[in-house]
Amino acid sequence: MKKILYSRYDKTKISALPRVVFGGRVIVVITEKEAEKAVDFLLTQPVLGIDTETRPSFKKGRINQVALLQVSTHEVCFLFRLNLIGMSPAVIRLLEDKTVPKIGLSLHDDLMMLGKRGDFNRGYFIDLQDKVKEIGVEDMSLQKLFANFFGQRISKRDQLSNWESDVLSDKQKLYASTDAWTCILIYEELLRLEQTGDYELIKVEHDIQKDTVTEG
């Protein structure tokens, strides 16, 4: 039976879906030595999911610097606390790597924010917003994409929490790692569907609620 996909997923249905969370190991990186070990490991992997988090600003015109870079494999997610270690040599080495595909969403925004912390040459990145268009999916948010492809819900409840806290809460760690990890799942499912053609796309002409174009 072919997988049913929608060109636009009805956001009002997401709250009723079962929640998905990252079930692997989460490692918080707060020193350059830890960053070196993490990057050495990550660059041995076949594919990585990537995302960033920034402390929200409630003052007009003020934008905080990116505080967290989360990079995940299927089993482990590293949370690089950039507000503590900055754009360290290991982090730059990871971002400039051209061998391992790094899958994210709205990567233009993430990479621009990372560039404000320190200069680097962009390595091998794949943006899901570009990939899904190839099979006719128009959704731009990670939450809607995951609901569309897997029928599960990603919680966005902790998105606006303080990512510069002295210690990240368990909820923050779970939120950040889930976002990076699910990018891998969507990408691999996209590849499978492109190779097998095992899907049917239903064209939705009018969306009930507009997509959020960017993800923090």
Protein backbone atom coordinates (compact mmCIF):
# COMPACT_ATOMS: atom_id res chain seq x y z
CA MET A 1 0.00 0.00 0.00
CA LYS A 2 1.41 3.35 -1.04
CA LYS A 3 2.15 6.06 1.51
CA ILE A 4 -0.29 8.97 1.29
CA LEU A 5 1.34 12.40 1.37
CA TYR A 6 -0.32 15.80 1.18
CA SER A 7 1.08 18.80 -0.64
CA ARG A 8 0.00 20.76 2.45
CA TYR A 9 -0.71 19.12 5.78
CA ASP A 10 -3.63 20.34 7.89
CA LYS A 11 -1.99 21.78 11.02
CA THR A 12 -5.21 21.47 13.01
CA LYS A 13 -4.82 17.67 12.96
CA ILE A 14 -1.33 17.64 14.49
CA SER A 15 -2.39 17.96 18.15
CA ALA A 16 -4.22 14.61 17.97
CA LEU A 17 -1.17 12.71 16.69
CA PRO A 18 1.07 10.63 18.97
CA ARG A 19 4.18 12.48 20.11
CA VAL A 20 7.62 11.44 18.90
CA VAL A 21 10.78 12.09 20.95
CA PHE A 22 14.43 11.24 20.53
CA GLY A 23 15.19 8.04 22.42
CA GLY A 24 18.96 8.03 22.12
CA ARG A 25 21.80 9.44 24.18
CA VAL A 26 22.12 13.22 24.58
CA ILE A 27 25.57 14.68 25.31
CA VAL A 28 26.01 18.34 26.25
CA VAL A 29 29.28 19.87 25.00
CA ILE A 30 30.70 22.74 27.06
CA THR A 31 34.48 22.58 26.49
CA GLU A 32 36.76 22.59 23.45
CA LYS A 33 38.15 19.18 24.44
CA GLU A 34 34.62 17.74 24.48
CA ALA A 35 33.90 19.43 21.15
CA GLU A 36 36.98 17.84 19.56
CA LYS A 37 35.92 14.36 20.69
CA ALA A 38 32.35 14.93 19.54
CA VAL A 39 33.35 16.17 16.09
CA ASP A 40 35.84 13.32 15.62
CA PHE A 41 32.97 10.90 16.22
CA LEU A 42 30.38 12.77 14.15
CA LEU A 43 32.58 12.90 11.08
CA THR A 44 32.72 9.09 11.02
CA GLN A 45 28.94 8.89 10.56
CA PRO A 46 27.11 8.46 7.23
CA VAL A 47 24.57 11.25 7.82
CA LEU A 48 23.85 13.91 10.45
CA GLY A 49 20.82 15.94 11.49
CA ILE A 50 21.48 19.54 12.45
CA ASP A 51 19.61 22.45 14.01
CA THR A 52 20.22 25.52 16.17
CA GLU A 53 18.48 27.27 19.04
CA THR A 54 18.59 30.93 20.01
CA ARG A 55 17.39 32.60 23.18
CA PRO A 56 14.20 34.47 22.27
CA SER A 57 14.25 38.23 22.46
CA PHE A 58 11.13 40.05 23.52
CA LYS A 59 12.65 43.46 22.84
CA LYS A 60 11.90 44.97 19.45
CA GLY A 61 14.92 45.11 17.16
CA ARG A 62 17.12 42.93 19.34
CA ILE A 63 18.24 39.49 18.14
CA ASN A 64 20.37 37.27 20.35
CA GLN A 65 23.26 35.20 19.05
CA VAL A 66 22.69 31.51 18.42
CA ALA A 67 23.21 29.67 21.71
CA LEU A 68 23.02 26.00 20.78
CA LEU A 69 24.08 23.82 17.86
CA GLN A 70 22.58 20.34 18.01
CA VAL A 71 23.99 17.60 15.78
CA SER A 72 22.49 14.12 15.82
CA THR A 73 23.04 10.62 14.51
CA HIS A 74 20.40 7.92 14.81
CA GLU A 75 21.60 7.00 18.30
CA VAL A 76 23.32 10.02 19.87
CA CYS A 77 22.87 13.80 19.77
CA PHE A 78 25.52 16.33 20.76
CA LEU A 79 24.41 19.72 22.06
CA PHE A 80 27.20 22.26 21.47
CA ARG A 81 26.62 25.19 23.85
CA LEU A 82 27.95 27.96 21.65
CA ASN A 83 27.17 30.61 24.26
CA LEU A 84 29.89 28.94 26.36
CA ILE A 85 32.46 27.65 23.84
CA GLY A 86 31.78 29.97 20.91
CA MET A 87 32.75 29.00 17.37
CA SER A 88 35.60 26.79 18.48
CA PRO A 89 38.03 25.19 15.99
CA ALA A 90 36.20 21.86 16.35
CA VAL A 91 32.80 23.43 15.60
CA ILE A 92 34.22 25.20 12.55
CA ARG A 93 35.80 21.92 11.37
CA LEU A 94 32.38 20.28 11.58
CA LEU A 95 30.60 23.07 9.71
CA GLU A 96 33.25 23.16 6.96
CA ASP A 97 33.32 19.38 6.43
CA LYS A 98 32.41 18.38 2.87
CA THR A 99 32.22 14.58 3.33
CA VAL A 100 29.24 13.94 5.64
CA PRO A 101 25.80 15.27 4.61
CA LYS A 102 24.25 17.45 7.31
CA ILE A 103 20.46 17.56 7.05
CA GLY A 104 18.49 20.50 8.38
CA LEU A 105 15.53 22.77 7.80
CA SER A 106 15.71 26.42 6.78
CA LEU A 107 19.48 26.08 6.79
CA HIS A 108 20.03 29.47 5.19
CA ASP A 109 18.85 31.10 8.44
CA ASP A 110 20.78 28.72 10.71
CA LEU A 111 24.03 29.14 8.79
CA MET A 112 23.61 32.90 8.65
CA MET A 113 23.17 33.03 12.44
CA LEU A 114 26.18 30.74 12.96
CA GLY A 115 28.19 33.00 10.66
CA LYS A 116 27.51 35.92 12.97
CA ARG A 117 29.34 34.02 15.71
CA GLY A 118 32.38 33.33 13.53
CA ASP A 119 33.49 33.03 9.91
CA PHE A 120 33.51 29.62 8.24
CA ASN A 121 33.20 28.15 4.75
CA ARG A 122 29.99 26.16 4.41
CA GLY A 123 30.45 22.44 4.03
CA TYR A 124 28.02 19.73 2.91
CA PHE A 125 24.47 20.71 3.91
CA ILE A 126 21.10 19.56 2.57
CA ASP A 127 17.97 21.61 3.29
CA LEU A 128 14.76 19.63 3.67
CA GLN A 129 12.74 22.61 2.46
CA ASP A 130 14.40 22.18 -0.92
CA LYS A 131 14.21 18.36 -0.96
CA VAL A 132 10.49 18.01 -0.21
CA LYS A 133 9.62 20.29 -3.12
CA GLU A 134 11.06 17.67 -5.47
CA ILE A 135 8.12 15.36 -4.74
CA GLY A 136 5.49 18.11 -4.55
CA VAL A 137 5.29 18.75 -0.80
CA GLU A 138 4.93 22.46 -0.05
CA ASP A 139 5.10 22.44 3.77
CA MET A 140 8.01 24.38 5.24
CA SER A 141 7.87 23.59 8.99
CA LEU A 142 9.49 20.56 10.58
CA GLN A 143 6.39 19.82 12.62
CA LYS A 144 4.13 19.66 9.57
CA LEU A 145 6.64 17.70 7.53
CA PHE A 146 7.04 15.03 10.20
CA ALA A 147 3.28 14.76 10.65
CA ASN A 148 2.89 14.40 6.88
CA PHE A 149 5.58 11.74 6.44
CA PHE A 150 5.16 9.75 9.67
CA GLY A 151 1.80 10.61 11.26
CA GLN A 152 3.49 11.70 14.49
CA ARG A 153 3.76 14.99 16.37
CA ILE A 154 6.87 16.97 17.28
CA SER A 155 6.21 19.18 20.30
CA LYS A 156 7.33 22.81 19.91
CA ARG A 157 6.52 23.74 23.51
CA ASP A 158 10.11 24.47 24.57
CA GLN A 159 11.14 26.41 21.47
CA LEU A 160 10.92 29.79 23.22
CA SER A 161 12.70 28.75 26.41
CA ASN A 162 15.99 30.28 27.61
CA TRP A 163 18.74 28.55 25.63
CA GLU A 164 21.40 30.48 27.56
CA SER A 165 20.43 29.04 30.94
CA ASP A 166 23.32 27.96 33.15
CA VAL A 167 22.09 24.37 32.84
CA LEU A 168 19.77 23.09 30.12
CA SER A 169 16.68 21.32 31.43
CA ASP A 170 15.82 17.76 30.43
CA LYS A 171 12.90 19.14 28.43
CA GLN A 172 15.21 21.48 26.51
CA LYS A 173 17.65 18.65 25.79
CA LEU A 174 14.84 16.43 24.53
CA TYR A 175 13.36 19.19 22.39
CA ALA A 176 16.69 20.11 20.78
CA SER A 177 17.78 16.53 20.10
CA THR A 178 14.39 15.57 18.67
CA ASP A 179 14.50 18.40 16.14
CA ALA A 180 17.94 17.39 14.84
CA TRP A 181 17.21 13.66 14.83
CA THR A 182 13.90 13.93 12.97
CA CYS A 183 15.67 15.73 10.12
CA ILE A 184 17.56 12.49 9.43
CA LEU A 185 14.34 10.45 9.46
CA ILE A 186 12.56 12.73 7.00
CA TYR A 187 15.59 12.80 4.69
CA GLU A 188 15.98 9.02 4.64
CA GLU A 189 12.26 8.54 4.03
CA LEU A 190 12.43 11.05 1.18
CA LEU A 191 15.26 9.07 -0.41
CA ARG A 192 13.29 5.83 -0.04
CA LEU A 193 10.15 7.30 -1.61
CA GLU A 194 12.11 8.84 -4.48
CA GLN A 195 13.79 5.52 -5.23
CA THR A 196 10.68 3.34 -4.94
CA GLY A 197 7.91 5.72 -6.01
CA ASP A 198 5.94 4.13 -3.17
CA TYR A 199 3.75 7.14 -2.43
CA GLU A 200 0.70 9.03 -3.63
CA LEU A 201 0.62 12.82 -3.37
CA ILE A 202 -2.74 14.42 -2.70
CA LYS A 203 -2.84 18.02 -3.85
CA VAL A 204 -4.37 20.39 -1.30
CA GLU A 205 -5.34 23.68 -2.90
CA HIS A 206 -6.05 25.72 0.22
CA ASP A 207 -4.18 25.48 3.51
CA ILE A 208 -6.18 26.10 6.70
CA GLN A 209 -3.19 27.63 8.47
CA LYS A 210 -0.09 28.97 6.74
CA ASP A 211 3.30 27.31 7.25
CA THR A 212 5.95 28.81 9.44
CA VAL A 213 8.75 29.49 6.98
CA THR A 214 11.64 29.21 9.43
CA GLU A 215 12.52 26.98 12.36
CA GLY A 216 14.59 28.14 15.26
